[in-house]
């Protein structure tokens, strides 16, 4: 099982960019698929982006497609989320999550992103 810690959140103006990073430790990171999720105030947690263990399969929520890019570096045990053209509605706490068949999923503590003028 991996332990996860997110970083990179903050306050940004609409149209701006942020890059989130999730650092993993404790197990072989390359065995895990990874997802970025977000939870806005009063809303359910939702999947933003997904990347398979090898990086060969990537998926995005419709609301972020074309603006966000997920990537991983298995040598550095990290997964990132580059967020461009940020909108007010992107304001949320962002979480990374690990998945591996036969192991319970793990969540990081989250990093807050606020898009405000």
C-alpha atoms as a PDB file:
ATOM      1  CA  UNK A   1       0.000   0.000   0.000  1.00  0.00           C
ATOM      2  CA  UNK A   2       1.280   3.475  -0.827  1.00  0.00           C
ATOM      3  CA  UNK A   3       1.058   6.653   1.202  1.00  0.00           C
ATOM      4  CA  UNK A   4       0.210   9.816  -0.710  1.00  0.00           C
ATOM      5  CA  UNK A   5       0.803  13.511  -0.146  1.00  0.00           C
ATOM      6  CA  UNK A   6      -0.459  16.237  -2.457  1.00  0.00           C
ATOM      7  CA  UNK A   7       1.093  19.668  -2.945  1.00  0.00           C
ATOM      8  CA  UNK A   8       0.824  22.663  -5.232  1.00  0.00           C
ATOM      9  CA  UNK A   9      -2.575  24.047  -4.374  1.00  0.00           C
ATOM     10  CA  UNK A  10      -3.227  27.711  -3.816  1.00  0.00           C
ATOM     11  CA  UNK A  11      -5.063  30.821  -4.906  1.00  0.00           C
ATOM     12  CA  UNK A  12      -5.145  31.646  -8.608  1.00  0.00           C
ATOM     13  CA  UNK A  13      -7.086  34.035 -10.809  1.00  0.00           C
ATOM     14  CA  UNK A  14      -9.465  32.792 -13.477  1.00  0.00           C
ATOM     15  CA  UNK A  15      -7.529  31.849 -16.582  1.00  0.00           C
ATOM     16  CA  UNK A  16      -4.433  31.067 -14.566  1.00  0.00           C
ATOM     17  CA  UNK A  17      -2.543  27.822 -14.086  1.00  0.00           C
ATOM     18  CA  UNK A  18      -1.474  25.575 -11.251  1.00  0.00           C
ATOM     19  CA  UNK A  19       0.440  22.340 -11.152  1.00  0.00           C
ATOM     20  CA  UNK A  20      -0.470  19.830  -8.480  1.00  0.00           C
ATOM     21  CA  UNK A  21       1.847  17.044  -7.473  1.00  0.00           C
ATOM     22  CA  UNK A  22       1.242  13.849  -5.531  1.00  0.00           C
ATOM     23  CA  UNK A  23       4.198  12.068  -3.977  1.00  0.00           C
ATOM     24  CA  UNK A  24       3.907   8.383  -3.175  1.00  0.00           C
ATOM     25  CA  UNK A  25       5.899   6.260  -0.771  1.00  0.00           C
ATOM     26  CA  UNK A  26       5.790   2.850   0.822  1.00  0.00           C
ATOM     27  CA  UNK A  27       5.261   0.449  -2.067  1.00  0.00           C
ATOM     28  CA  UNK A  28       6.098   0.010  -5.729  1.00  0.00           C
ATOM     29  CA  UNK A  29       4.417   3.037  -7.252  1.00  0.00           C
ATOM     30  CA  UNK A  30       4.527   1.635 -10.779  1.00  0.00           C
ATOM     31  CA  UNK A  31       2.041  -1.079  -9.791  1.00  0.00           C
ATOM     32  CA  UNK A  32      -0.706   1.447  -9.048  1.00  0.00           C
ATOM     33  CA  UNK A  33      -3.070   3.306 -11.282  1.00  0.00           C
ATOM     34  CA  UNK A  34      -3.665   6.835 -10.030  1.00  0.00           C
ATOM     35  CA  UNK A  35      -6.492   9.293 -10.058  1.00  0.00           C
ATOM     36  CA  UNK A  36      -6.995  12.942  -9.255  1.00  0.00           C
ATOM     37  CA  UNK A  37     -10.303  13.758  -7.641  1.00  0.00           C
ATOM     38  CA  UNK A  38     -11.805  16.962  -6.362  1.00  0.00           C
ATOM     39  CA  UNK A  39     -14.507  17.946  -3.945  1.00  0.00           C
ATOM     40  CA  UNK A  40     -16.082  21.367  -4.060  1.00  0.00           C
ATOM     41  CA  UNK A  41     -18.016  22.768  -1.091  1.00  0.00           C
ATOM     42  CA  UNK A  42     -21.377  21.078  -0.814  1.00  0.00           C
ATOM     43  CA  UNK A  43     -20.691  18.675  -3.651  1.00  0.00           C
ATOM     44  CA  UNK A  44     -19.742  15.048  -4.065  1.00  0.00           C
ATOM     45  CA  UNK A  45     -16.145  14.080  -4.687  1.00  0.00           C
ATOM     46  CA  UNK A  46     -15.617  13.566  -8.406  1.00  0.00           C
ATOM     47  CA  UNK A  47     -12.970  12.020 -10.610  1.00  0.00           C
ATOM     48  CA  UNK A  48     -10.995  14.619 -12.553  1.00  0.00           C
ATOM     49  CA  UNK A  49      -8.328  12.547 -14.262  1.00  0.00           C
ATOM     50  CA  UNK A  50      -7.049   8.990 -14.320  1.00  0.00           C
ATOM     51  CA  UNK A  51      -3.785   7.437 -15.424  1.00  0.00           C
ATOM     52  CA  UNK A  52      -2.983   3.747 -15.609  1.00  0.00           C
ATOM     53  CA  UNK A  53       0.035   2.224 -13.902  1.00  0.00           C
ATOM     54  CA  UNK A  54       2.142   2.372 -17.053  1.00  0.00           C
ATOM     55  CA  UNK A  55       0.743   5.711 -18.179  1.00  0.00           C
ATOM     56  CA  UNK A  56      -0.627   4.206 -21.372  1.00  0.00           C
ATOM     57  CA  UNK A  57      -4.248   4.924 -20.531  1.00  0.00           C
ATOM     58  CA  UNK A  58      -5.453   8.386 -19.549  1.00  0.00           C
ATOM     59  CA  UNK A  59      -8.969   9.657 -19.037  1.00  0.00           C
ATOM     60  CA  UNK A  60     -10.427  13.030 -18.107  1.00  0.00           C
ATOM     61  CA  UNK A  61     -13.705  14.337 -16.845  1.00  0.00           C
ATOM     62  CA  UNK A  62     -15.526  16.208 -19.564  1.00  0.00           C
ATOM     63  CA  UNK A  63     -15.375  19.416 -17.540  1.00  0.00           C
ATOM     64  CA  UNK A  64     -11.551  19.514 -17.579  1.00  0.00           C
ATOM     65  CA  UNK A  65     -10.717  17.906 -20.910  1.00  0.00           C
ATOM     66  CA  UNK A  66      -8.387  20.122 -22.912  1.00  0.00           C
ATOM     67  CA  UNK A  67      -7.433  22.182 -19.860  1.00  0.00           C
ATOM     68  CA  UNK A  68      -5.925  19.654 -17.435  1.00  0.00           C
ATOM     69  CA  UNK A  69      -3.114  17.192 -18.050  1.00  0.00           C
ATOM     70  CA  UNK A  70      -2.272  14.233 -15.841  1.00  0.00           C
ATOM     71  CA  UNK A  71       1.184  12.682 -15.950  1.00  0.00           C
ATOM     72  CA  UNK A  72       3.267  10.331 -13.872  1.00  0.00           C
ATOM     73  CA  UNK A  73       6.920   9.690 -13.279  1.00  0.00           C
ATOM     74  CA  UNK A  74       7.368   6.166 -11.978  1.00  0.00           C
ATOM     75  CA  UNK A  75      11.056   6.759 -11.364  1.00  0.00           C
ATOM     76  CA  UNK A  76      10.224   9.641  -9.008  1.00  0.00           C
ATOM     77  CA  UNK A  77       7.031   8.092  -7.575  1.00  0.00           C
ATOM     78  CA  UNK A  78       4.955  11.106  -8.478  1.00  0.00           C
ATOM     79  CA  UNK A  79       1.801  11.931 -10.372  1.00  0.00           C
ATOM     80  CA  UNK A  80       1.008  15.480 -11.423  1.00  0.00           C
ATOM     81  CA  UNK A  81      -1.973  17.440 -12.607  1.00  0.00           C
ATOM     82  CA  UNK A  82      -1.259  20.475 -14.765  1.00  0.00           C
ATOM     83  CA  UNK A  83      -4.278  22.753 -14.657  1.00  0.00           C
ATOM     84  CA  UNK A  84      -4.591  25.529 -17.213  1.00  0.00           C
ATOM     85  CA  UNK A  85      -7.338  28.020 -18.034  1.00  0.00           C
ATOM     86  CA  UNK A  86      -8.719  27.651 -14.531  1.00  0.00           C
ATOM     87  CA  UNK A  87     -12.311  28.593 -13.887  1.00  0.00           C
ATOM     88  CA  UNK A  88     -14.223  29.572 -10.781  1.00  0.00           C
ATOM     89  CA  UNK A  89     -15.871  26.160 -10.821  1.00  0.00           C
ATOM     90  CA  UNK A  90     -12.495  24.438 -10.502  1.00  0.00           C
ATOM     91  CA  UNK A  91     -12.346  25.618  -6.892  1.00  0.00           C
ATOM     92  CA  UNK A  92     -12.144  22.516  -4.724  1.00  0.00           C
ATOM     93  CA  UNK A  93      -9.950  20.365  -2.571  1.00  0.00           C
ATOM     94  CA  UNK A  94      -7.981  18.089  -4.879  1.00  0.00           C
ATOM     95  CA  UNK A  95      -7.026  14.573  -3.840  1.00  0.00           C
ATOM     96  CA  UNK A  96      -4.918  11.885  -5.400  1.00  0.00           C
ATOM     97  CA  UNK A  97      -5.933   8.271  -5.043  1.00  0.00           C
ATOM     98  CA  UNK A  98      -4.079   5.046  -5.697  1.00  0.00           C
ATOM     99  CA  UNK A  99      -5.642   1.888  -7.037  1.00  0.00           C
ATOM    100  CA  UNK A 100      -4.300  -1.621  -7.322  1.00  0.00           C
ATOM    101  CA  UNK A 101      -6.236  -4.833  -7.720  1.00  0.00           C
ATOM    102  CA  UNK A 102      -6.304  -6.698  -4.434  1.00  0.00           C
ATOM    103  CA  UNK A 103      -5.278  -3.687  -2.330  1.00  0.00           C
ATOM    104  CA  UNK A 104      -7.469  -1.088  -0.650  1.00  0.00           C
ATOM    105  CA  UNK A 105      -7.359   2.346  -2.303  1.00  0.00           C
ATOM    106  CA  UNK A 106      -5.376   5.079  -0.608  1.00  0.00           C
ATOM    107  CA  UNK A 107      -6.165   8.782  -0.521  1.00  0.00           C
ATOM    108  CA  UNK A 108      -3.912  11.713   0.164  1.00  0.00           C
ATOM    109  CA  UNK A 109      -4.995  14.448   2.596  1.00  0.00           C
ATOM    110  CA  UNK A 110      -5.783  16.837  -0.246  1.00  0.00           C
ATOM    111  CA  UNK A 111      -4.630  20.244  -1.421  1.00  0.00           C
ATOM    112  CA  UNK A 112      -6.936  23.226  -1.772  1.00  0.00           C
ATOM    113  CA  UNK A 113      -7.313  25.100  -5.043  1.00  0.00           C
ATOM    114  CA  UNK A 114      -9.155  28.405  -5.023  1.00  0.00           C
ATOM    115  CA  UNK A 115      -9.914  30.216  -8.255  1.00  0.00           C
ATOM    116  CA  UNK A 116     -10.892  33.772  -7.476  1.00  0.00           C
ATOM    117  CA  UNK A 117     -10.444  37.260  -8.823  1.00  0.00           C
END
